[in-house]
C-alpha cells in the first residue's frame, strides 16, 4: 500500500463539507463549517478512533453566542480569546470564545510528500485574524501551525486553547508532563487535595494517570497545570495498542488543562479533554492581573505549532 498522503474534498458529514487528510496510517476528518473542527482522527493500523464524539448532539451549526456545553459535539475545537464568558477590552465575549461556532474559510493543496489544509477566520468580536494550517505527511503525525494577528487598534487580552476531546477505554493512561497542578472547584473529583493544588501525578495518594473507580459514583475533574516540565499531554490505550499525544513548545503554551468526566460524572458522559493553553486560570481578566494570561498588542502577531502524534 502506498504511504503517500492524499486529501479529499468530495465528502460530507450530516450535510457539512468534510475535508479528509489521509495516509496509510492516519485518517483525519475536518469540518470547516463547524469552527474548523477536527471531528475524527483514526489510527488505521488498529482501526481505532482517537477523538470522542457526543452522540447526543447532532452534527450541525451552532448559533454564535450559544452556550458551549449544550452544543458540545466533541472532537478538536479552538478556543479564543476566552473560556468562560467575560468582558475583554470592554467587549463581552461569548462562552468558550468567538471561533468554535462560526464557519472558517479554507484552502488545500500538496507539497512533496505531504498534504495540507489551511483554515482562516476573523473574530466577530475582536477582529483577530486566525489561521490554522494542518499538515499530514507520510507518517502518523498531524502538524497544526497557528497564527493570530491583532489587526485592530486595541490591545487584546486573551487565552488560546486547543480543546481536544479524546476517547477513553478501561485501561487508558493519562500523560501530562506537568509539575504544579491546580484542582479547580468544578465538579465531583475523586479527591480534593489540601489547598487545592498538588504535584502531578499524585493527589492525596491518588495516581491521576489512571482512571478512577466509578463503580459507586461518577467522577468529574477539572485540572489546570500551572507549570510544565515539557509541552506534552495525551492518552495511551495499552489494550488497543494506540493512543494520542500532543506536543508543543512550552514557551508558546505554558499551561495545560484537563477536563474529565469519568463514569458519567458530568452529564452522564465519559470523556477527557486535553487543553494546551497560553495561560491560566479560567478567567482571562484574573490571569492578566496576575501575569499568567497574555495580551496581544494592537498590530502584533503570535505563531506556534502543535503536533498530534499517534502512539505506537
C-alpha atoms as a PDB file:
ATOM      1  CA  UNK A   1       0.000   0.000   0.000  1.00  0.00           C
ATOM      2  CA  UNK A   2       1.246   3.467  -0.862  1.00  0.00           C
ATOM      3  CA  UNK A   3       2.179   5.652   2.088  1.00  0.00           C
ATOM      4  CA  UNK A   4       1.761   8.839   0.057  1.00  0.00           C
ATOM      5  CA  UNK A   5      -0.670  11.210   1.771  1.00  0.00           C
ATOM      6  CA  UNK A   6      -3.806  12.356  -0.018  1.00  0.00           C
ATOM      7  CA  UNK A   7      -6.515  14.930   0.563  1.00  0.00           C
ATOM      8  CA  UNK A   8     -10.188  14.565  -0.376  1.00  0.00           C
ATOM      9  CA  UNK A   9     -12.800  17.322  -0.560  1.00  0.00           C
ATOM     10  CA  UNK A  10     -15.740  15.464  -2.118  1.00  0.00           C
ATOM     11  CA  UNK A  11     -17.169  14.180   1.162  1.00  0.00           C
ATOM     12  CA  UNK A  12     -19.765  15.491   3.597  1.00  0.00           C
ATOM     13  CA  UNK A  13     -20.899  14.575   7.108  1.00  0.00           C
ATOM     14  CA  UNK A  14     -24.515  15.268   8.081  1.00  0.00           C
ATOM     15  CA  UNK A  15     -24.676  17.781   5.250  1.00  0.00           C
ATOM     16  CA  UNK A  16     -21.470  19.542   6.298  1.00  0.00           C
ATOM     17  CA  UNK A  17     -18.476  19.855   3.989  1.00  0.00           C
ATOM     18  CA  UNK A  18     -15.786  17.439   5.149  1.00  0.00           C
ATOM     19  CA  UNK A  19     -12.113  17.534   4.220  1.00  0.00           C
ATOM     20  CA  UNK A  20     -10.143  14.319   4.686  1.00  0.00           C
ATOM     21  CA  UNK A  21      -6.365  14.118   5.073  1.00  0.00           C
ATOM     22  CA  UNK A  22      -5.181  10.524   4.903  1.00  0.00           C
ATOM     23  CA  UNK A  23      -2.196   8.249   4.503  1.00  0.00           C
ATOM     24  CA  UNK A  24      -1.542   4.569   5.159  1.00  0.00           C
ATOM     25  CA  UNK A  25      -1.505   5.099   8.931  1.00  0.00           C
ATOM     26  CA  UNK A  26      -3.778   8.027   9.754  1.00  0.00           C
ATOM     27  CA  UNK A  27      -7.120   9.449   8.670  1.00  0.00           C
ATOM     28  CA  UNK A  28      -8.162  12.959   9.753  1.00  0.00           C
ATOM     29  CA  UNK A  29     -11.599  14.478   9.087  1.00  0.00           C
ATOM     30  CA  UNK A  30     -12.131  18.244   9.356  1.00  0.00           C
ATOM     31  CA  UNK A  31     -15.406  20.208   9.220  1.00  0.00           C
ATOM     32  CA  UNK A  32     -14.507  23.775   8.153  1.00  0.00           C
ATOM     33  CA  UNK A  33     -18.091  24.977   8.539  1.00  0.00           C
ATOM     34  CA  UNK A  34     -18.248  23.945  12.201  1.00  0.00           C
ATOM     35  CA  UNK A  35     -15.490  26.110  13.624  1.00  0.00           C
ATOM     36  CA  UNK A  36     -12.756  24.326  11.675  1.00  0.00           C
ATOM     37  CA  UNK A  37     -13.345  21.324  13.935  1.00  0.00           C
ATOM     38  CA  UNK A  38     -11.230  18.198  13.583  1.00  0.00           C
ATOM     39  CA  UNK A  39     -14.022  15.703  14.116  1.00  0.00           C
ATOM     40  CA  UNK A  40     -12.066  12.461  13.697  1.00  0.00           C
ATOM     41  CA  UNK A  41      -8.530  11.082  13.950  1.00  0.00           C
ATOM     42  CA  UNK A  42      -8.322   7.368  13.180  1.00  0.00           C
ATOM     43  CA  UNK A  43      -5.300   5.146  13.746  1.00  0.00           C
ATOM     44  CA  UNK A  44      -5.756   2.965  10.671  1.00  0.00           C
ATOM     45  CA  UNK A  45      -3.149   0.472  11.836  1.00  0.00           C
ATOM     46  CA  UNK A  46      -5.511  -0.779  14.563  1.00  0.00           C
ATOM     47  CA  UNK A  47      -8.751   0.769  13.234  1.00  0.00           C
ATOM     48  CA  UNK A  48      -9.214   2.931  16.346  1.00  0.00           C
ATOM     49  CA  UNK A  49     -10.949   6.309  16.616  1.00  0.00           C
ATOM     50  CA  UNK A  50      -8.952   8.547  18.950  1.00  0.00           C
ATOM     51  CA  UNK A  51     -11.273  11.550  19.241  1.00  0.00           C
ATOM     52  CA  UNK A  52     -14.507  11.455  21.200  1.00  0.00           C
ATOM     53  CA  UNK A  53     -17.841  12.461  19.738  1.00  0.00           C
ATOM     54  CA  UNK A  54     -21.007  13.179  21.709  1.00  0.00           C
ATOM     55  CA  UNK A  55     -23.745  11.043  20.164  1.00  0.00           C
ATOM     56  CA  UNK A  56     -26.395  13.154  21.936  1.00  0.00           C
ATOM     57  CA  UNK A  57     -25.517  16.321  19.981  1.00  0.00           C
ATOM     58  CA  UNK A  58     -26.228  16.375  16.223  1.00  0.00           C
ATOM     59  CA  UNK A  59     -23.565  17.418  13.740  1.00  0.00           C
ATOM     60  CA  UNK A  60     -24.964  20.841  12.880  1.00  0.00           C
ATOM     61  CA  UNK A  61     -24.041  24.537  13.090  1.00  0.00           C
ATOM     62  CA  UNK A  62     -24.474  26.274  16.444  1.00  0.00           C
ATOM     63  CA  UNK A  63     -25.701  29.846  16.759  1.00  0.00           C
ATOM     64  CA  UNK A  64     -22.988  32.371  17.575  1.00  0.00           C
ATOM     65  CA  UNK A  65     -23.122  33.104  21.298  1.00  0.00           C
ATOM     66  CA  UNK A  66     -24.544  29.693  22.225  1.00  0.00           C
ATOM     67  CA  UNK A  67     -23.585  28.028  25.472  1.00  0.00           C
ATOM     68  CA  UNK A  68     -20.741  25.662  24.623  1.00  0.00           C
ATOM     69  CA  UNK A  69     -21.695  22.809  26.937  1.00  0.00           C
ATOM     70  CA  UNK A  70     -25.125  22.360  25.347  1.00  0.00           C
ATOM     71  CA  UNK A  71     -23.512  22.217  21.878  1.00  0.00           C
ATOM     72  CA  UNK A  72     -20.524  20.089  22.903  1.00  0.00           C
ATOM     73  CA  UNK A  73     -20.171  17.766  19.928  1.00  0.00           C
ATOM     74  CA  UNK A  74     -16.660  16.615  20.792  1.00  0.00           C
ATOM     75  CA  UNK A  75     -13.639  16.475  18.522  1.00  0.00           C
ATOM     76  CA  UNK A  76     -10.947  19.154  18.416  1.00  0.00           C
ATOM     77  CA  UNK A  77     -12.037  22.786  18.718  1.00  0.00           C
ATOM     78  CA  UNK A  78     -10.095  26.035  19.050  1.00  0.00           C
ATOM     79  CA  UNK A  79     -10.967  28.447  21.879  1.00  0.00           C
ATOM     80  CA  UNK A  80     -10.092  32.158  21.685  1.00  0.00           C
ATOM     81  CA  UNK A  81      -9.964  34.683  23.356  1.00  0.00           C
ATOM     82  CA  UNK A  82     -11.639  33.230  26.443  1.00  0.00           C
ATOM     83  CA  UNK A  83     -13.166  30.207  28.143  1.00  0.00           C
ATOM     84  CA  UNK A  84     -15.914  31.413  30.462  1.00  0.00           C
ATOM     85  CA  UNK A  85     -17.993  34.353  29.193  1.00  0.00           C
ATOM     86  CA  UNK A  86     -16.420  37.640  30.233  1.00  0.00           C
ATOM     87  CA  UNK A  87     -15.759  41.174  29.090  1.00  0.00           C
ATOM     88  CA  UNK A  88     -12.362  41.678  27.461  1.00  0.00           C
ATOM     89  CA  UNK A  89     -11.106  45.034  26.200  1.00  0.00           C
ATOM     90  CA  UNK A  90     -14.572  46.413  27.052  1.00  0.00           C
ATOM     91  CA  UNK A  91     -16.347  43.913  24.815  1.00  0.00           C
ATOM     92  CA  UNK A  92     -18.421  40.940  26.039  1.00  0.00           C
ATOM     93  CA  UNK A  93     -17.143  37.700  24.513  1.00  0.00           C
ATOM     94  CA  UNK A  94     -19.344  34.577  24.356  1.00  0.00           C
ATOM     95  CA  UNK A  95     -18.881  31.278  26.138  1.00  0.00           C
ATOM     96  CA  UNK A  96     -15.718  29.460  25.013  1.00  0.00           C
ATOM     97  CA  UNK A  97     -14.825  32.285  22.664  1.00  0.00           C
ATOM     98  CA  UNK A  98     -15.663  33.545  19.202  1.00  0.00           C
ATOM     99  CA  UNK A  99     -14.264  30.808  16.941  1.00  0.00           C
ATOM    100  CA  UNK A 100     -15.974  27.476  17.583  1.00  0.00           C
ATOM    101  CA  UNK A 101     -19.495  28.400  16.403  1.00  0.00           C
ATOM    102  CA  UNK A 102     -18.608  30.098  13.110  1.00  0.00           C
ATOM    103  CA  UNK A 103     -17.625  28.743   9.680  1.00  0.00           C
ATOM    104  CA  UNK A 104     -13.994  29.041   8.631  1.00  0.00           C
ATOM    105  CA  UNK A 105     -12.772  29.674   5.103  1.00  0.00           C
ATOM    106  CA  UNK A 106     -10.384  27.070   3.770  1.00  0.00           C
ATOM    107  CA  UNK A 107      -7.973  26.132   1.016  1.00  0.00           C
ATOM    108  CA  UNK A 108      -5.962  22.977   0.433  1.00  0.00           C
ATOM    109  CA  UNK A 109      -3.011  21.699  -1.503  1.00  0.00           C
ATOM    110  CA  UNK A 110       0.016  19.464  -1.533  1.00  0.00           C
ATOM    111  CA  UNK A 111       3.774  19.734  -1.369  1.00  0.00           C
ATOM    112  CA  UNK A 112       6.252  16.918  -1.995  1.00  0.00           C
ATOM    113  CA  UNK A 113       5.413  14.165   0.485  1.00  0.00           C
ATOM    114  CA  UNK A 114       2.600  15.979   2.292  1.00  0.00           C
ATOM    115  CA  UNK A 115      -0.884  17.437   2.021  1.00  0.00           C
ATOM    116  CA  UNK A 116      -2.221  20.478   3.839  1.00  0.00           C
ATOM    117  CA  UNK A 117      -5.457  22.203   4.746  1.00  0.00           C
ATOM    118  CA  UNK A 118      -5.396  25.884   5.685  1.00  0.00           C
ATOM    119  CA  UNK A 119      -8.334  27.368   7.594  1.00  0.00           C
ATOM    120  CA  UNK A 120      -8.936  31.068   8.195  1.00  0.00           C
ATOM    121  CA  UNK A 121     -11.431  33.122  10.158  1.00  0.00           C
ATOM    122  CA  UNK A 122     -11.745  36.626  11.574  1.00  0.00           C
ATOM    123  CA  UNK A 123     -13.211  37.007  15.037  1.00  0.00           C
ATOM    124  CA  UNK A 124     -16.588  38.742  15.088  1.00  0.00           C
ATOM    125  CA  UNK A 125     -15.893  40.445  18.425  1.00  0.00           C
ATOM    126  CA  UNK A 126     -12.136  41.030  18.479  1.00  0.00           C
ATOM    127  CA  UNK A 127     -11.433  41.233  14.755  1.00  0.00           C
ATOM    128  CA  UNK A 128      -8.444  38.946  15.279  1.00  0.00           C
ATOM    129  CA  UNK A 129      -7.326  37.192  12.097  1.00  0.00           C
ATOM    130  CA  UNK A 130      -6.773  33.493  12.782  1.00  0.00           C
ATOM    131  CA  UNK A 131      -5.036  30.913  10.609  1.00  0.00           C
ATOM    132  CA  UNK A 132      -4.716  27.193  11.288  1.00  0.00           C
ATOM    133  CA  UNK A 133      -2.778  25.020   8.849  1.00  0.00           C
ATOM    134  CA  UNK A 134      -2.988  21.235   9.190  1.00  0.00           C
ATOM    135  CA  UNK A 135      -0.274  19.169   7.513  1.00  0.00           C
ATOM    136  CA  UNK A 136      -0.091  15.386   7.107  1.00  0.00           C
ATOM    137  CA  UNK A 137       2.976  13.690   5.665  1.00  0.00           C
ATOM    138  CA  UNK A 138       3.686  10.006   5.116  1.00  0.00           C
ATOM    139  CA  UNK A 139       3.918   9.260   8.845  1.00  0.00           C
ATOM    140  CA  UNK A 140       1.295   9.141  11.591  1.00  0.00           C
ATOM    141  CA  UNK A 141       1.677  12.694  12.927  1.00  0.00           C
ATOM    142  CA  UNK A 142      -0.640  15.627  12.210  1.00  0.00           C
ATOM    143  CA  UNK A 143       1.016  19.056  12.469  1.00  0.00           C
ATOM    144  CA  UNK A 144      -1.059  22.143  13.304  1.00  0.00           C
ATOM    145  CA  UNK A 145       0.511  25.555  12.693  1.00  0.00           C
ATOM    146  CA  UNK A 146      -1.291  28.551  14.193  1.00  0.00           C
ATOM    147  CA  UNK A 147      -1.117  32.282  13.669  1.00  0.00           C
ATOM    148  CA  UNK A 148      -3.210  35.016  15.260  1.00  0.00           C
ATOM    149  CA  UNK A 149      -2.948  38.669  14.232  1.00  0.00           C
ATOM    150  CA  UNK A 150      -4.461  41.594  16.105  1.00  0.00           C
ATOM    151  CA  UNK A 151      -5.393  43.885  13.220  1.00  0.00           C
ATOM    152  CA  UNK A 152      -7.385  46.238  15.433  1.00  0.00           C
ATOM    153  CA  UNK A 153      -6.485  49.352  17.388  1.00  0.00           C
ATOM    154  CA  UNK A 154      -6.943  47.858  20.853  1.00  0.00           C
ATOM    155  CA  UNK A 155      -4.635  45.559  22.800  1.00  0.00           C
ATOM    156  CA  UNK A 156      -6.403  42.219  23.220  1.00  0.00           C
ATOM    157  CA  UNK A 157      -6.285  40.206  26.468  1.00  0.00           C
ATOM    158  CA  UNK A 158      -6.655  36.554  25.539  1.00  0.00           C
ATOM    159  CA  UNK A 159      -6.177  32.886  26.039  1.00  0.00           C
ATOM    160  CA  UNK A 160      -5.843  30.266  23.341  1.00  0.00           C
ATOM    161  CA  UNK A 161      -6.705  26.636  23.939  1.00  0.00           C
ATOM    162  CA  UNK A 162      -6.782  23.673  21.641  1.00  0.00           C
ATOM    163  CA  UNK A 163      -9.743  21.745  23.062  1.00  0.00           C
ATOM    164  CA  UNK A 164      -9.187  18.097  22.115  1.00  0.00           C
ATOM    165  CA  UNK A 165     -11.813  15.608  23.341  1.00  0.00           C
ATOM    166  CA  UNK A 166     -10.417  12.064  23.366  1.00  0.00           C
ATOM    167  CA  UNK A 167     -11.873   8.591  23.677  1.00  0.00           C
ATOM    168  CA  UNK A 168     -11.441   6.645  26.908  1.00  0.00           C
ATOM    169  CA  UNK A 169     -11.005   2.907  27.446  1.00  0.00           C
ATOM    170  CA  UNK A 170     -10.926   0.863  30.627  1.00  0.00           C
ATOM    171  CA  UNK A 171      -7.112   0.803  30.680  1.00  0.00           C
ATOM    172  CA  UNK A 172      -6.467   4.355  29.443  1.00  0.00           C
ATOM    173  CA  UNK A 173      -3.394   6.060  30.906  1.00  0.00           C
ATOM    174  CA  UNK A 174      -3.330   9.870  31.081  1.00  0.00           C
ATOM    175  CA  UNK A 175       0.034  11.517  30.430  1.00  0.00           C
ATOM    176  CA  UNK A 176       0.832  15.094  31.404  1.00  0.00           C
ATOM    177  CA  UNK A 177       4.377  16.488  31.607  1.00  0.00           C
ATOM    178  CA  UNK A 178       3.448  18.791  34.476  1.00  0.00           C
ATOM    179  CA  UNK A 179       4.733  19.936  37.817  1.00  0.00           C
ATOM    180  CA  UNK A 180       2.259  22.017  39.811  1.00  0.00           C
ATOM    181  CA  UNK A 181      -1.424  21.358  39.139  1.00  0.00           C
ATOM    182  CA  UNK A 182      -4.491  23.185  40.423  1.00  0.00           C
ATOM    183  CA  UNK A 183      -7.657  21.183  41.122  1.00  0.00           C
ATOM    184  CA  UNK A 184     -10.460  23.535  40.065  1.00  0.00           C
ATOM    185  CA  UNK A 185     -13.526  23.800  42.291  1.00  0.00           C
ATOM    186  CA  UNK A 186     -15.695  22.367  39.489  1.00  0.00           C
ATOM    187  CA  UNK A 187     -17.386  19.016  39.742  1.00  0.00           C
ATOM    188  CA  UNK A 188     -17.039  15.964  41.952  1.00  0.00           C
ATOM    189  CA  UNK A 189     -13.401  14.824  41.720  1.00  0.00           C
ATOM    190  CA  UNK A 190     -12.038  11.583  43.133  1.00  0.00           C
ATOM    191  CA  UNK A 191     -10.150  13.650  45.739  1.00  0.00           C
ATOM    192  CA  UNK A 192      -9.693  17.286  46.709  1.00  0.00           C
ATOM    193  CA  UNK A 193      -6.090  17.852  47.797  1.00  0.00           C
ATOM    194  CA  UNK A 194      -5.360  20.189  50.686  1.00  0.00           C
ATOM    195  CA  UNK A 195      -5.007  23.715  49.402  1.00  0.00           C
ATOM    196  CA  UNK A 196      -6.474  22.714  46.054  1.00  0.00           C
ATOM    197  CA  UNK A 197      -3.123  22.024  44.383  1.00  0.00           C
ATOM    198  CA  UNK A 198      -0.701  19.112  44.043  1.00  0.00           C
ATOM    199  CA  UNK A 199       2.342  17.883  42.149  1.00  0.00           C
ATOM    200  CA  UNK A 200       1.455  15.697  39.190  1.00  0.00           C
ATOM    201  CA  UNK A 201       0.531  12.862  39.181  1.00  0.00           C
ATOM    202  CA  UNK A 202      -0.154  12.189  42.866  1.00  0.00           C
ATOM    203  CA  UNK A 203      -3.012  13.960  44.670  1.00  0.00           C
ATOM    204  CA  UNK A 204      -3.594  12.845  48.266  1.00  0.00           C
ATOM    205  CA  UNK A 205      -2.484   9.305  47.479  1.00  0.00           C
ATOM    206  CA  UNK A 206      -4.371   9.027  44.185  1.00  0.00           C
ATOM    207  CA  UNK A 207      -2.498   8.493  40.917  1.00  0.00           C
ATOM    208  CA  UNK A 208      -4.274  10.694  38.395  1.00  0.00           C
ATOM    209  CA  UNK A 209      -2.597   8.974  35.456  1.00  0.00           C
ATOM    210  CA  UNK A 210      -5.066   6.123  35.913  1.00  0.00           C
ATOM    211  CA  UNK A 211      -8.832   6.302  35.578  1.00  0.00           C
ATOM    212  CA  UNK A 212     -10.745   6.334  38.878  1.00  0.00           C
ATOM    213  CA  UNK A 213     -13.019   3.612  40.197  1.00  0.00           C
ATOM    214  CA  UNK A 214     -16.515   4.689  39.134  1.00  0.00           C
ATOM    215  CA  UNK A 215     -18.408   1.606  40.316  1.00  0.00           C
ATOM    216  CA  UNK A 216     -20.212   3.593  43.027  1.00  0.00           C
ATOM    217  CA  UNK A 217     -20.251   7.119  41.562  1.00  0.00           C
ATOM    218  CA  UNK A 218     -19.193   9.125  38.565  1.00  0.00           C
ATOM    219  CA  UNK A 219     -16.212  11.443  38.772  1.00  0.00           C
ATOM    220  CA  UNK A 220     -15.775  14.878  37.207  1.00  0.00           C
ATOM    221  CA  UNK A 221     -12.480  16.764  37.445  1.00  0.00           C
ATOM    222  CA  UNK A 222     -11.022  19.962  36.055  1.00  0.00           C
ATOM    223  CA  UNK A 223      -7.238  20.212  36.380  1.00  0.00           C
ATOM    224  CA  UNK A 224      -5.034  23.152  35.393  1.00  0.00           C
ATOM    225  CA  UNK A 225      -1.283  22.586  35.161  1.00  0.00           C
ATOM    226  CA  UNK A 226       0.368  25.856  36.152  1.00  0.00           C
ATOM    227  CA  UNK A 227       3.911  24.596  35.469  1.00  0.00           C
ATOM    228  CA  UNK A 228       5.054  22.194  32.754  1.00  0.00           C
ATOM    229  CA  UNK A 229       8.217  20.119  32.504  1.00  0.00           C
ATOM    230  CA  UNK A 230       7.592  19.816  28.757  1.00  0.00           C
ATOM    231  CA  UNK A 231       4.842  20.800  26.386  1.00  0.00           C
ATOM    232  CA  UNK A 232       3.207  17.395  26.290  1.00  0.00           C
ATOM    233  CA  UNK A 233      -0.039  15.647  27.207  1.00  0.00           C
ATOM    234  CA  UNK A 234      -2.001  12.691  25.910  1.00  0.00           C
ATOM    235  CA  UNK A 235      -3.613   9.328  26.450  1.00  0.00           C
ATOM    236  CA  UNK A 236      -2.384   5.768  25.943  1.00  0.00           C
ATOM    237  CA  UNK A 237      -4.660   2.779  25.374  1.00  0.00           C
ATOM    238  CA  UNK A 238      -2.434  -0.279  26.021  1.00  0.00           C
ATOM    239  CA  UNK A 239      -5.026  -2.939  25.165  1.00  0.00           C
ATOM    240  CA  UNK A 240      -5.722  -1.292  21.801  1.00  0.00           C
ATOM    241  CA  UNK A 241      -2.057  -0.620  21.049  1.00  0.00           C
ATOM    242  CA  UNK A 242      -2.612   3.041  20.304  1.00  0.00           C
ATOM    243  CA  UNK A 243      -3.018   6.484  21.807  1.00  0.00           C
ATOM    244  CA  UNK A 244      -2.757  10.186  21.089  1.00  0.00           C
ATOM    245  CA  UNK A 245      -0.078  12.558  22.336  1.00  0.00           C
ATOM    246  CA  UNK A 246       0.002  16.322  21.825  1.00  0.00           C
ATOM    247  CA  UNK A 247       3.329  18.150  21.902  1.00  0.00           C
ATOM    248  CA  UNK A 248       4.289  21.818  21.672  1.00  0.00           C
ATOM    249  CA  UNK A 249       6.868  24.360  22.807  1.00  0.00           C
ATOM    250  CA  UNK A 250       6.015  25.218  26.395  1.00  0.00           C
ATOM    251  CA  UNK A 251       7.262  28.772  25.791  1.00  0.00           C
ATOM    252  CA  UNK A 252       4.255  29.190  23.487  1.00  0.00           C
ATOM    253  CA  UNK A 253       1.698  27.288  25.565  1.00  0.00           C
ATOM    254  CA  UNK A 254       2.965  27.276  29.170  1.00  0.00           C
ATOM    255  CA  UNK A 255      -0.130  25.656  30.688  1.00  0.00           C
ATOM    256  CA  UNK A 256      -2.305  22.614  30.044  1.00  0.00           C
ATOM    257  CA  UNK A 257      -5.810  21.965  31.307  1.00  0.00           C
ATOM    258  CA  UNK A 258      -7.571  18.606  31.632  1.00  0.00           C
ATOM    259  CA  UNK A 259     -11.349  18.374  31.792  1.00  0.00           C
ATOM    260  CA  UNK A 260     -12.534  14.884  32.693  1.00  0.00           C
ATOM    261  CA  UNK A 261     -15.866  13.136  33.055  1.00  0.00           C
ATOM    262  CA  UNK A 262     -15.365   9.546  34.168  1.00  0.00           C
ATOM    263  CA  UNK A 263     -18.178   7.054  34.612  1.00  0.00           C
ATOM    264  CA  UNK A 264     -20.763   9.641  33.622  1.00  0.00           C
ATOM    265  CA  UNK A 265     -19.666  12.135  36.267  1.00  0.00           C
ATOM    266  CA  UNK A 266     -20.675  15.157  34.152  1.00  0.00           C
ATOM    267  CA  UNK A 267     -23.896  14.949  32.165  1.00  0.00           C
ATOM    268  CA  UNK A 268     -23.597  11.174  32.027  1.00  0.00           C
ATOM    269  CA  UNK A 269     -20.630  11.361  29.648  1.00  0.00           C
ATOM    270  CA  UNK A 270     -17.280   9.567  29.508  1.00  0.00           C
ATOM    271  CA  UNK A 271     -14.688  11.893  28.023  1.00  0.00           C
ATOM    272  CA  UNK A 272     -11.340  13.555  28.651  1.00  0.00           C
ATOM    273  CA  UNK A 273     -10.459  16.898  27.065  1.00  0.00           C
ATOM    274  CA  UNK A 274      -6.789  17.780  26.530  1.00  0.00           C
ATOM    275  CA  UNK A 275      -6.362  21.560  26.559  1.00  0.00           C
ATOM    276  CA  UNK A 276      -2.886  23.010  25.895  1.00  0.00           C
ATOM    277  CA  UNK A 277      -3.240  26.695  26.749  1.00  0.00           C
ATOM    278  CA  UNK A 278      -1.431  30.017  26.678  1.00  0.00           C
ATOM    279  CA  UNK A 279      -2.085  30.589  30.379  1.00  0.00           C
ATOM    280  CA  UNK A 280      -4.303  30.213  33.421  1.00  0.00           C
ATOM    281  CA  UNK A 281      -6.718  30.490  35.296  1.00  0.00           C
ATOM    282  CA  UNK A 282     -10.238  30.217  33.855  1.00  0.00           C
ATOM    283  CA  UNK A 283     -10.754  33.988  33.833  1.00  0.00           C
ATOM    284  CA  UNK A 284      -8.619  35.890  31.343  1.00  0.00           C
ATOM    285  CA  UNK A 285      -9.010  39.125  33.307  1.00  0.00           C
ATOM    286  CA  UNK A 286      -7.867  37.465  36.522  1.00  0.00           C
ATOM    287  CA  UNK A 287      -4.899  35.930  34.721  1.00  0.00           C
ATOM    288  CA  UNK A 288      -3.861  39.213  33.122  1.00  0.00           C
ATOM    289  CA  UNK A 289      -3.929  40.844  36.563  1.00  0.00           C
ATOM    290  CA  UNK A 290      -1.775  38.007  37.943  1.00  0.00           C
ATOM    291  CA  UNK A 291       0.593  37.937  34.969  1.00  0.00           C
ATOM    292  CA  UNK A 292      -0.454  34.416  33.917  1.00  0.00           C
ATOM    293  CA  UNK A 293      -2.541  35.330  30.858  1.00  0.00           C
ATOM    294  CA  UNK A 294      -1.307  37.289  27.869  1.00  0.00           C
ATOM    295  CA  UNK A 295      -2.169  40.434  25.922  1.00  0.00           C
ATOM    296  CA  UNK A 296      -1.812  40.587  22.133  1.00  0.00           C
ATOM    297  CA  UNK A 297      -0.897  44.207  21.356  1.00  0.00           C
ATOM    298  CA  UNK A 298      -2.594  46.047  18.518  1.00  0.00           C
ATOM    299  CA  UNK A 299      -0.770  45.208  15.301  1.00  0.00           C
ATOM    300  CA  UNK A 300       1.024  42.200  16.805  1.00  0.00           C
ATOM    301  CA  UNK A 301       1.024  38.564  15.740  1.00  0.00           C
ATOM    302  CA  UNK A 302       1.674  35.297  17.559  1.00  0.00           C
ATOM    303  CA  UNK A 303       2.563  31.972  15.926  1.00  0.00           C
ATOM    304  CA  UNK A 304       3.118  28.479  17.295  1.00  0.00           C
ATOM    305  CA  UNK A 305       2.923  24.813  16.387  1.00  0.00           C
ATOM    306  CA  UNK A 306       1.214  21.814  17.963  1.00  0.00           C
ATOM    307  CA  UNK A 307       1.683  18.213  16.824  1.00  0.00           C
ATOM    308  CA  UNK A 308      -0.728  15.321  17.321  1.00  0.00           C
ATOM    309  CA  UNK A 309       1.288  12.092  17.495  1.00  0.00           C
ATOM    310  CA  UNK A 310      -0.271   8.662  17.134  1.00  0.00           C
ATOM    311  CA  UNK A 311       1.341   6.486  19.790  1.00  0.00           C
ATOM    312  CA  UNK A 312       2.862   3.221  18.643  1.00  0.00           C
END
